[in-house]
PDB file of N, CA and C in Angstrom:
ATOM      1  N   MET A   1     -14.958   7.392  -3.651  1.00  0.00           N
ATOM      2  CA  MET A   1     -14.749   6.063  -4.054  1.00  0.00           C
ATOM      3  C   MET A   1     -15.319   4.998  -3.070  1.00  0.00           C
ATOM      4  N   ASP A   2     -16.173   3.782  -3.273  1.00  0.00           N
ATOM      5  CA  ASP A   2     -16.004   3.066  -2.191  1.00  0.00           C
ATOM      6  C   ASP A   2     -14.815   1.484  -2.648  1.00  0.00           C
ATOM      7  N   TRP A   3     -14.011   1.985  -1.850  1.00  0.00           N
ATOM      8  CA  TRP A   3     -12.726   1.015  -1.709  1.00  0.00           C
ATOM      9  C   TRP A   3     -13.490  -0.433  -1.415  1.00  0.00           C
ATOM     10  N   ASN A   4     -13.751  -0.439  -0.847  1.00  0.00           N
ATOM     11  CA  ASN A   4     -14.275  -2.076  -0.192  1.00  0.00           C
ATOM     12  C   ASN A   4     -15.168  -2.643  -1.207  1.00  0.00           C
ATOM     13  N   SER A   5     -15.829  -2.378  -2.267  1.00  0.00           N
ATOM     14  CA  SER A   5     -16.527  -2.559  -3.149  1.00  0.00           C
ATOM     15  C   SER A   5     -15.885  -3.043  -4.618  1.00  0.00           C
ATOM     16  N   LEU A   6     -14.001  -2.736  -4.410  1.00  0.00           N
ATOM     17  CA  LEU A   6     -13.580  -2.818  -5.433  1.00  0.00           C
ATOM     18  C   LEU A   6     -12.958  -4.210  -5.680  1.00  0.00           C
ATOM     19  N   SER A   7     -12.296  -4.696  -6.448  1.00  0.00           N
ATOM     20  CA  SER A   7     -11.873  -6.097  -6.452  1.00  0.00           C
ATOM     21  C   SER A   7      -9.945  -5.600  -5.934  1.00  0.00           C
ATOM     22  N   ASN A   8      -9.251  -6.315  -5.596  1.00  0.00           N
ATOM     23  CA  ASN A   8      -7.695  -6.182  -5.547  1.00  0.00           C
ATOM     24  C   ASN A   8      -7.430  -6.034  -7.037  1.00  0.00           C
ATOM     25  N   VAL A   9      -7.597  -6.123  -7.654  1.00  0.00           N
ATOM     26  CA  VAL A   9      -7.294  -6.138  -9.306  1.00  0.00           C
ATOM     27  C   VAL A   9      -7.475  -4.822  -9.397  1.00  0.00           C
ATOM     28  N   ASP A  10      -8.926  -3.988  -9.577  1.00  0.00           N
ATOM     29  CA  ASP A  10      -9.090  -2.958  -9.714  1.00  0.00           C
ATOM     30  C   ASP A  10      -8.693  -2.164  -8.573  1.00  0.00           C
ATOM     31  N   ILE A  11      -8.555  -2.282  -7.429  1.00  0.00           N
ATOM     32  CA  ILE A  11      -7.455  -1.600  -6.154  1.00  0.00           C
ATOM     33  C   ILE A  11      -6.231  -1.868  -7.162  1.00  0.00           C
ATOM     34  N   LEU A  12      -5.613  -2.287  -7.338  1.00  0.00           N
ATOM     35  CA  LEU A  12      -4.234  -1.802  -7.671  1.00  0.00           C
ATOM     36  C   LEU A  12      -4.149  -1.018  -9.324  1.00  0.00           C
ATOM     37  N   ASN A  13      -4.944  -1.328 -10.274  1.00  0.00           N
ATOM     38  CA  ASN A  13      -5.153  -0.510 -10.983  1.00  0.00           C
ATOM     39  C   ASN A  13      -5.687   0.935 -10.842  1.00  0.00           C
ATOM     40  N   GLU A  14      -6.293   1.426  -9.947  1.00  0.00           N
ATOM     41  CA  GLU A  14      -6.823   2.490  -9.644  1.00  0.00           C
ATOM     42  C   GLU A  14      -5.218   3.278  -8.488  1.00  0.00           C
ATOM     43  N   MET A  15      -4.607   2.660  -7.969  1.00  0.00           N
ATOM     44  CA  MET A  15      -3.401   3.288  -7.297  1.00  0.00           C
ATOM     45  C   MET A  15      -2.463   3.385  -8.574  1.00  0.00           C
ATOM     46  N   GLY A  16      -2.265   2.834  -9.618  1.00  0.00           N
ATOM     47  CA  GLY A  16      -1.432   2.426 -10.479  1.00  0.00           C
ATOM     48  C   GLY A  16      -1.623   4.008 -10.995  1.00  0.00           C
ATOM     49  N   ARG A  17      -2.584   4.005 -11.296  1.00  0.00           N
ATOM     50  CA  ARG A  17      -3.499   5.248 -12.234  1.00  0.00           C
ATOM     51  C   ARG A  17      -3.402   6.430 -11.246  1.00  0.00           C
ATOM     52  N   ARG A  18      -3.387   6.546 -10.076  1.00  0.00           N
ATOM     53  CA  ARG A  18      -2.975   7.495  -9.215  1.00  0.00           C
ATOM     54  C   ARG A  18      -1.426   8.070  -9.218  1.00  0.00           C
ATOM     55  N   LEU A  19      -0.739   6.903  -8.941  1.00  0.00           N
ATOM     56  CA  LEU A  19       0.358   7.446  -9.004  1.00  0.00           C
ATOM     57  C   LEU A  19       1.082   7.896 -10.164  1.00  0.00           C
ATOM     58  N   LYS A  20       0.585   7.360 -11.549  1.00  0.00           N
ATOM     59  CA  LYS A  20       1.097   7.823 -12.744  1.00  0.00           C
ATOM     60  C   LYS A  20       0.786   9.513 -12.601  1.00  0.00           C
ATOM     61  N   ASN A  21      -0.453  10.019 -12.134  1.00  0.00           N
ATOM     62  CA  ASN A  21      -1.026  10.972 -12.129  1.00  0.00           C
ATOM     63  C   ASN A  21       0.129  12.216 -11.508  1.00  0.00           C
ATOM     64  N   HIS A  22       0.162  11.688 -10.566  1.00  0.00           N
ATOM     65  CA  HIS A  22       1.209  11.947  -9.064  1.00  0.00           C
ATOM     66  C   HIS A  22       2.699  12.613  -9.708  1.00  0.00           C
ATOM     67  N   ARG A  23       3.018  11.200 -10.395  1.00  0.00           N
ATOM     68  CA  ARG A  23       4.413  11.486 -11.375  1.00  0.00           C
ATOM     69  C   ARG A  23       4.193  12.886 -12.613  1.00  0.00           C
ATOM     70  N   LEU A  24       2.961  12.385 -13.320  1.00  0.00           N
ATOM     71  CA  LEU A  24       3.170  13.259 -14.208  1.00  0.00           C
ATOM     72  C   LEU A  24       2.650  14.729 -13.825  1.00  0.00           C
ATOM     73  N   HIS A  25       2.459  15.251 -12.495  1.00  0.00           N
ATOM     74  CA  HIS A  25       1.644  16.445 -11.936  1.00  0.00           C
ATOM     75  C   HIS A  25       3.383  16.866 -11.773  1.00  0.00           C
ATOM     76  N   LYS A  26       4.490  15.838 -11.071  1.00  0.00           N
ATOM     77  CA  LYS A  26       5.552  16.364 -10.856  1.00  0.00           C
ATOM     78  C   LYS A  26       6.812  16.712 -12.391  1.00  0.00           C
ATOM     79  N   ARG A  27       6.285  16.038 -12.936  1.00  0.00           N
ATOM     80  CA  ARG A  27       6.870  16.512 -14.681  1.00  0.00           C
ATOM     81  C   ARG A  27       7.551  15.353 -14.189  1.00  0.00           C
ATOM     82  N   LEU A  28       7.897  14.242 -13.908  1.00  0.00           N
ATOM     83  CA  LEU A  28       9.003  13.011 -14.000  1.00  0.00           C
ATOM     84  C   LEU A  28       8.610  12.369 -15.257  1.00  0.00           C
ATOM     85  N   THR A  29       9.763  11.917 -15.714  1.00  0.00           N
ATOM     86  CA  THR A  29       9.626  10.717 -16.520  1.00  0.00           C
ATOM     87  C   THR A  29       9.448   9.234 -15.740  1.00  0.00           C
ATOM     88  N   GLN A  30       9.362   7.932 -16.491  1.00  0.00           N
ATOM     89  CA  GLN A  30       9.340   6.709 -15.477  1.00  0.00           C
ATOM     90  C   GLN A  30      10.577   6.803 -15.006  1.00  0.00           C
ATOM     91  N   GLN A  31      11.374   6.970 -15.827  1.00  0.00           N
ATOM     92  CA  GLN A  31      12.701   6.685 -15.762  1.00  0.00           C
ATOM     93  C   GLN A  31      13.794   7.476 -14.510  1.00  0.00           C
ATOM     94  N   GLN A  32      13.087   8.948 -14.613  1.00  0.00           N
ATOM     95  CA  GLN A  32      13.899   9.838 -13.870  1.00  0.00           C
ATOM     96  C   GLN A  32      13.568   9.273 -12.354  1.00  0.00           C
ATOM     97  N   LEU A  33      11.910   8.816 -11.922  1.00  0.00           N
ATOM     98  CA  LEU A  33      11.368   8.445 -11.123  1.00  0.00           C
ATOM     99  C   LEU A  33      11.878   6.953 -10.761  1.00  0.00           C
ATOM    100  N   ALA A  34      12.127   6.229 -11.764  1.00  0.00           N
ATOM    101  CA  ALA A  34      12.965   4.840 -11.238  1.00  0.00           C
ATOM    102  C   ALA A  34      14.243   5.215 -10.473  1.00  0.00           C
ATOM    103  N   GLU A  35      15.130   6.217 -10.700  1.00  0.00           N
ATOM    104  CA  GLU A  35      16.258   6.474 -10.467  1.00  0.00           C
ATOM    105  C   GLU A  35      16.550   7.047  -9.421  1.00  0.00           C
ATOM    106  N   LYS A  36      15.432   7.752  -8.769  1.00  0.00           N
ATOM    107  CA  LYS A  36      14.945   8.607  -7.986  1.00  0.00           C
ATOM    108  C   LYS A  36      15.005   7.792  -6.869  1.00  0.00           C
ATOM    109  N   ALA A  37      14.210   6.635  -7.126  1.00  0.00           N
ATOM    110  CA  ALA A  37      13.539   6.183  -5.921  1.00  0.00           C
ATOM    111  C   ALA A  37      14.470   4.860  -6.026  1.00  0.00           C
ATOM    112  N   GLY A  38      15.480   4.354  -6.747  1.00  0.00           N
ATOM    113  CA  GLY A  38      16.271   3.392  -6.824  1.00  0.00           C
ATOM    114  C   GLY A  38      15.550   2.337  -6.968  1.00  0.00           C
ATOM    115  N   VAL A  39      14.568   1.868  -7.735  1.00  0.00           N
ATOM    116  CA  VAL A  39      14.237   1.046  -8.582  1.00  0.00           C
ATOM    117  C   VAL A  39      14.019   0.808  -9.921  1.00  0.00           C
ATOM    118  N   SER A  40      13.929  -0.284 -10.233  1.00  0.00           N
ATOM    119  CA  SER A  40      13.912  -0.126 -11.764  1.00  0.00           C
ATOM    120  C   SER A  40      12.840   0.662 -13.122  1.00  0.00           C
ATOM    121  N   LEU A  41      13.210   0.885 -14.140  1.00  0.00           N
ATOM    122  CA  LEU A  41      12.415   1.508 -14.919  1.00  0.00           C
ATOM    123  C   LEU A  41      10.999   0.249 -15.296  1.00  0.00           C
ATOM    124  N   PHE A  42      10.961  -1.112 -14.981  1.00  0.00           N
ATOM    125  CA  PHE A  42       9.948  -2.333 -15.437  1.00  0.00           C
ATOM    126  C   PHE A  42       9.419  -1.854 -13.952  1.00  0.00           C
ATOM    127  N   THR A  43       9.636  -1.520 -12.774  1.00  0.00           N
ATOM    128  CA  THR A  43       8.543  -1.513 -11.532  1.00  0.00           C
ATOM    129  C   THR A  43       7.985  -0.371 -11.708  1.00  0.00           C
ATOM    130  N   VAL A  44       9.060   0.487 -11.901  1.00  0.00           N
ATOM    131  CA  VAL A  44       7.652   2.056 -12.013  1.00  0.00           C
ATOM    132  C   VAL A  44       6.655   1.531 -12.870  1.00  0.00           C
ATOM    133  N   ALA A  45       7.030   1.253 -14.386  1.00  0.00           N
ATOM    134  CA  ALA A  45       6.195   0.581 -15.528  1.00  0.00           C
ATOM    135  C   ALA A  45       5.073  -0.115 -14.569  1.00  0.00           C
ATOM    136  N   GLN A  46       5.641  -1.358 -14.027  1.00  0.00           N
ATOM    137  CA  GLN A  46       4.560  -2.031 -13.341  1.00  0.00           C
ATOM    138  C   GLN A  46       3.484  -1.656 -12.335  1.00  0.00           C
ATOM    139  N   ILE A  47       3.783  -0.703 -11.257  1.00  0.00           N
ATOM    140  CA  ILE A  47       3.118   0.036 -10.710  1.00  0.00           C
ATOM    141  C   ILE A  47       2.237   0.790 -11.246  1.00  0.00           C
ATOM    142  N   GLU A  48       2.521   1.583 -12.064  1.00  0.00           N
ATOM    143  CA  GLU A  48       1.272   2.206 -13.381  1.00  0.00           C
ATOM    144  C   GLU A  48       0.446   1.222 -13.978  1.00  0.00           C
ATOM    145  N   ARG A  49       0.792   0.614 -14.252  1.00  0.00           N
ATOM    146  CA  ARG A  49      -0.115  -0.784 -14.946  1.00  0.00           C
ATOM    147  C   ARG A  49      -1.009  -1.554 -13.817  1.00  0.00           C
ATOM    148  N   GLY A  50      -1.122  -1.107 -12.840  1.00  0.00           N
ATOM    149  CA  GLY A  50      -1.890  -1.717 -11.801  1.00  0.00           C
ATOM    150  C   GLY A  50      -1.138  -3.215 -11.526  1.00  0.00           C
ATOM    151  N   LYS A  51      -0.038  -3.586 -11.498  1.00  0.00           N
ATOM    152  CA  LYS A  51       0.499  -4.613 -11.266  1.00  0.00           C
ATOM    153  C   LYS A  51       1.392  -4.850  -9.939  1.00  0.00           C
ATOM    154  N   SER A  52       1.388  -6.046  -9.369  1.00  0.00           N
ATOM    155  CA  SER A  52       1.637  -6.105  -8.072  1.00  0.00           C
ATOM    156  C   SER A  52       3.347  -6.027  -8.153  1.00  0.00           C
ATOM    157  N   VAL A  53       3.442  -5.519  -6.871  1.00  0.00           N
ATOM    158  CA  VAL A  53       4.971  -5.269  -6.357  1.00  0.00           C
ATOM    159  C   VAL A  53       5.422  -5.388  -5.031  1.00  0.00           C
ATOM    160  N   SER A  54       6.363  -5.370  -4.516  1.00  0.00           N
ATOM    161  CA  SER A  54       6.376  -5.566  -3.364  1.00  0.00           C
ATOM    162  C   SER A  54       6.061  -4.048  -2.426  1.00  0.00           C
ATOM    163  N   MET A  55       5.667  -4.340  -1.289  1.00  0.00           N
ATOM    164  CA  MET A  55       5.669  -3.093  -0.534  1.00  0.00           C
ATOM    165  C   MET A  55       6.609  -2.093  -0.676  1.00  0.00           C
ATOM    166  N   ASN A  56       7.780  -2.701  -0.381  1.00  0.00           N
ATOM    167  CA  ASN A  56       9.276  -1.774  -0.247  1.00  0.00           C
ATOM    168  C   ASN A  56       9.436  -1.153  -1.607  1.00  0.00           C
ATOM    169  N   LEU A  57       9.453  -1.561  -2.432  1.00  0.00           N
ATOM    170  CA  LEU A  57       9.387  -1.134  -4.173  1.00  0.00           C
ATOM    171  C   LEU A  57       8.181   0.390  -3.587  1.00  0.00           C
ATOM    172  N   LEU A  58       7.390  -0.064  -3.909  1.00  0.00           N
ATOM    173  CA  LEU A  58       5.876   0.782  -3.625  1.00  0.00           C
ATOM    174  C   LEU A  58       5.847   1.749  -2.859  1.00  0.00           C
ATOM    175  N   ILE A  59       6.597   1.818  -1.761  1.00  0.00           N
ATOM    176  CA  ILE A  59       7.091   2.890  -0.347  1.00  0.00           C
ATOM    177  C   ILE A  59       8.184   3.691  -1.106  1.00  0.00           C
ATOM    178  N   ALA A  60       9.225   3.074  -1.580  1.00  0.00           N
ATOM    179  CA  ALA A  60      10.488   3.924  -2.230  1.00  0.00           C
ATOM    180  C   ALA A  60      10.062   4.662  -3.560  1.00  0.00           C
ATOM    181  N   VAL A  61       8.526   4.246  -4.213  1.00  0.00           N
ATOM    182  CA  VAL A  61       8.653   5.322  -5.253  1.00  0.00           C
ATOM    183  C   VAL A  61       7.426   6.266  -4.230  1.00  0.00           C
ATOM    184  N   MET A  62       6.327   6.004  -3.638  1.00  0.00           N
ATOM    185  CA  MET A  62       5.916   6.726  -3.035  1.00  0.00           C
ATOM    186  C   MET A  62       6.774   7.830  -2.417  1.00  0.00           C
ATOM    187  N   ARG A  63       7.893   7.652  -1.558  1.00  0.00           N
ATOM    188  CA  ARG A  63       8.470   8.927  -1.295  1.00  0.00           C
ATOM    189  C   ARG A  63       9.189   9.961  -2.271  1.00  0.00           C
ATOM    190  N   VAL A  64       9.710   9.170  -3.111  1.00  0.00           N
ATOM    191  CA  VAL A  64       9.761  10.286  -3.902  1.00  0.00           C
ATOM    192  C   VAL A  64       8.508  10.911  -4.235  1.00  0.00           C
ATOM    193  N   LEU A  65       7.758  10.419  -4.856  1.00  0.00           N
ATOM    194  CA  LEU A  65       6.359  11.180  -5.031  1.00  0.00           C
ATOM    195  C   LEU A  65       5.449  12.245  -3.937  1.00  0.00           C
ATOM    196  N   ARG A  66       6.273  11.922  -2.522  1.00  0.00           N
ATOM    197  CA  ARG A  66       5.926  12.705  -1.443  1.00  0.00           C
ATOM    198  C   ARG A  66       4.729  12.493  -0.790  1.00  0.00           C
ATOM    199  N   LEU A  67       4.396  11.075  -0.750  1.00  0.00           N
ATOM    200  CA  LEU A  67       3.059  10.273  -0.530  1.00  0.00           C
ATOM    201  C   LEU A  67       2.768   9.874   0.307  1.00  0.00           C
ATOM    202  N   VAL A  68       4.455   9.473   1.248  1.00  0.00           N
ATOM    203  CA  VAL A  68       4.403   8.830   2.397  1.00  0.00           C
ATOM    204  C   VAL A  68       3.594   8.888   3.435  1.00  0.00           C
ATOM    205  N   ASN A  69       3.056  10.076   3.718  1.00  0.00           N
ATOM    206  CA  ASN A  69       2.810  10.496   4.587  1.00  0.00           C
ATOM    207  C   ASN A  69       1.473  10.072   4.740  1.00  0.00           C
ATOM    208  N   ASN A  70       0.540   9.630   3.394  1.00  0.00           N
ATOM    209  CA  ASN A  70      -0.597   9.471   2.931  1.00  0.00           C
ATOM    210  C   ASN A  70      -0.982   7.734   3.932  1.00  0.00           C
ATOM    211  N   PHE A  71       0.103   6.878   4.414  1.00  0.00           N
ATOM    212  CA  PHE A  71       0.031   5.806   5.035  1.00  0.00           C
ATOM    213  C   PHE A  71      -0.788   6.299   6.245  1.00  0.00           C
ATOM    214  N   GLU A  72      -0.875   7.569   7.133  1.00  0.00           N
ATOM    215  CA  GLU A  72      -1.504   8.102   8.340  1.00  0.00           C
ATOM    216  C   GLU A  72      -2.872   8.020   8.011  1.00  0.00           C
ATOM    217  N   LEU A  73      -3.132   7.778   6.474  1.00  0.00           N
ATOM    218  CA  LEU A  73      -4.905   7.847   6.191  1.00  0.00           C
ATOM    219  C   LEU A  73      -4.962   6.643   6.099  1.00  0.00           C
ATOM    220  N   LEU A  74      -4.037   5.872   5.655  1.00  0.00           N
ATOM    221  CA  LEU A  74      -4.508   4.419   5.060  1.00  0.00           C
ATOM    222  C   LEU A  74      -4.463   3.719   6.183  1.00  0.00           C
ATOM    223  N   LEU A  75      -3.600   3.630   7.068  1.00  0.00           N
ATOM    224  CA  LEU A  75      -3.367   2.919   8.008  1.00  0.00           C
ATOM    225  C   LEU A  75      -3.482   3.986   9.511  1.00  0.00           C
ATOM    226  N   PRO A  76      -4.504   4.231  10.011  1.00  0.00           N
ATOM    227  CA  PRO A  76      -4.499   4.970  11.033  1.00  0.00           C
ATOM    228  C   PRO A  76      -4.642   4.324  12.565  1.00  0.00           C
ATOM    229  N   GLU A  77      -3.437   5.368  13.387  1.00  0.00           N
ATOM    230  CA  GLU A  77      -3.604   4.851  14.355  1.00  0.00           C
ATOM    231  C   GLU A  77      -4.652   4.116  15.440  1.00  0.00           C
ATOM    232  N   GLN A  78      -4.616   2.816  16.158  1.00  0.00           N
ATOM    233  CA  GLN A  78      -5.665   2.349  16.964  1.00  0.00           C
ATOM    234  C   GLN A  78      -5.167   2.343  18.307  1.00  0.00           C
ATOM    235  N   GLU A  79      -5.712   3.115  18.683  1.00  0.00           N
ATOM    236  CA  GLU A  79      -5.133   2.869  20.380  1.00  0.00           C
ATOM    237  C   GLU A  79      -6.311   1.748  21.197  1.00  0.00           C
ATOM    238  N   ILE A  80      -5.433   1.189  22.201  1.00  0.00           N
ATOM    239  CA  ILE A  80      -6.228   0.227  22.229  1.00  0.00           C
ATOM    240  C   ILE A  80      -6.141   0.540  24.394  1.00  0.00           C
ATOM    241  N   SER A  81      -7.323   0.894  24.410  1.00  0.00           N
ATOM    242  CA  SER A  81      -7.014   1.561  25.912  1.00  0.00           C
ATOM    243  C   SER A  81      -7.023   0.402  27.412  1.00  0.00           C
ATOM    244  N   PRO A  82      -6.429   0.758  28.430  1.00  0.00           N
ATOM    245  CA  PRO A  82      -5.784  -0.189  29.563  1.00  0.00           C
ATOM    246  C   PRO A  82      -6.322  -1.208  29.653  1.00  0.00           C
ATOM    247  N   VAL A  83      -7.709  -0.594  29.679  1.00  0.00           N
ATOM    248  CA  VAL A  83      -9.123  -1.679  30.205  1.00  0.00           C
ATOM    249  C   VAL A  83      -8.935  -2.961  29.163  1.00  0.00           C
ATOM    250  N   GLU A  84      -9.199  -2.761  27.840  1.00  0.00           N
ATOM    251  CA  GLU A  84      -9.123  -3.699  27.043  1.00  0.00           C
ATOM    252  C   GLU A  84      -8.040  -4.282  27.077  1.00  0.00           C
ATOM    253  N   LEU A  85      -7.023  -3.960  27.326  1.00  0.00           N
ATOM    254  CA  LEU A  85      -5.560  -4.660  27.200  1.00  0.00           C
ATOM    255  C   LEU A  85      -5.779  -5.713  28.181  1.00  0.00           C
ATOM    256  N   LEU A  86      -6.490  -5.369  29.541  1.00  0.00           N
ATOM    257  CA  LEU A  86      -6.208  -6.245  30.874  1.00  0.00           C
ATOM    258  C   LEU A  86      -7.417  -7.442  30.513  1.00  0.00           C
ATOM    259  N   ARG A  87      -7.963  -6.837  29.538  1.00  0.00           N
ATOM    260  CA  ARG A  87      -9.795  -8.339  29.543  1.00  0.00           C
ATOM    261  C   ARG A  87      -8.493  -9.203  27.874  1.00  0.00           C
ATOM    262  N   LEU A  88      -7.717  -8.636  27.021  1.00  0.00           N
ATOM    263  CA  LEU A  88      -7.369  -9.547  26.205  1.00  0.00           C
ATOM    264  C   LEU A  88      -6.520 -10.004  27.015  1.00  0.00           C
ATOM    265  N   LYS A  89      -5.631  -9.509  27.796  1.00  0.00           N
ATOM    266  CA  LYS A  89      -4.434 -10.453  28.534  1.00  0.00           C
ATOM    267  C   LYS A  89      -4.715 -11.713  29.015  1.00  0.00           C
ATOM    268  N   GLY A  90      -6.061 -11.999  29.100  1.00  0.00           N
ATOM    269  CA  GLY A  90      -6.461 -13.467  30.340  1.00  0.00           C
ATOM    270  C   GLY A  90      -6.609 -14.247  28.724  1.00  0.00           C
ATOM    271  N   LYS A  91      -7.531 -13.494  27.780  1.00  0.00           N
ATOM    272  CA  LYS A  91      -7.512 -14.895  26.876  1.00  0.00           C
ATOM    273  C   LYS A  91      -6.470 -15.017  25.682  1.00  0.00           C
ATOM    274  N   LYS A  92      -6.670 -16.587  25.687  1.00  0.00           N
ATOM    275  CA  LYS A  92      -6.015 -17.376  24.880  1.00  0.00           C
ATOM    276  C   LYS A  92      -6.069 -16.934  23.307  1.00  0.00           C
ATOM    277  N   VAL A  93      -5.489 -16.518  22.249  1.00  0.00           N
ATOM    278  CA  VAL A  93      -5.600 -16.879  21.085  1.00  0.00           C
ATOM    279  C   VAL A  93      -6.191 -18.000  20.603  1.00  0.00           C
ATOM    280  N   GLN A  94      -7.240 -17.914  19.676  1.00  0.00           N
ATOM    281  CA  GLN A  94      -7.574 -19.489  19.250  1.00  0.00           C
ATOM    282  C   GLN A  94      -7.604 -19.057  17.750  1.00  0.00           C
ATOM    283  N   ARG A  95      -7.019 -20.201  17.209  1.00  0.00           N
ATOM    284  CA  ARG A  95      -6.911 -20.464  15.512  1.00  0.00           C
ATOM    285  C   ARG A  95      -7.839 -21.413  14.949  1.00  0.00           C
ATOM    286  N   ILE A  96      -8.116 -20.811  14.009  1.00  0.00           N
ATOM    287  CA  ILE A  96      -9.175 -21.518  13.039  1.00  0.00           C
ATOM    288  C   ILE A  96      -7.919 -22.491  12.316  1.00  0.00           C
ATOM    289  N   ARG A  97      -8.349 -23.788  12.379  1.00  0.00           N
ATOM    290  CA  ARG A  97      -7.737 -24.933  11.938  1.00  0.00           C
ATOM    291  C   ARG A  97      -8.528 -25.200  10.447  1.00  0.00           C
ATOM    292  N   PRO A  98      -7.744 -25.679   9.172  1.00  0.00           N
ATOM    293  CA  PRO A  98      -8.687 -25.646   8.238  1.00  0.00           C
ATOM    294  C   PRO A  98      -8.990 -27.242   8.480  1.00  0.00           C
ATOM    295  N   LYS A  99     -10.099 -27.560   8.092  1.00  0.00           N
ATOM    296  CA  LYS A  99     -10.818 -29.071   7.560  1.00  0.00           C
ATOM    297  C   LYS A  99      -9.810 -29.668   6.551  1.00  0.00           C
ATOM    298  N   VAL A 100      -9.831 -31.056   7.437  1.00  0.00           N
ATOM    299  CA  VAL A 100      -9.108 -32.006   6.178  1.00  0.00           C
ATOM    300  C   VAL A 100     -10.063 -32.960   6.027  1.00  0.00           C
ATOM    301  N   GLN A 101     -10.016 -32.898   4.710  1.00  0.00           N
ATOM    302  CA  GLN A 101     -10.903 -34.057   3.783  1.00  0.00           C
ATOM    303  C   GLN A 101     -10.258 -34.901   3.524  1.00  0.00           C
TER     304      GLN A 101
END
């Protein structure tokens, strides 16, 4: 799947669908998952419907489903070489300021 071609809404929907499938595979009801994760039933339902929830709540649900290790694939560690650190050390951060109209 080309995740970059999906809209944010499509990504949330796909994540919700996949999390629901993991829950069903583990033979958990939404209520059981909610209780184990320490979140509300509403939160679990929202996630599965592809609605936006806080990262904290999503992580709690993923922890119960034993999916937290997948964050390593989602956000692999980026090593910065010592040479690159030295090169960046001398540069000032430039901020782009919005144009005032």
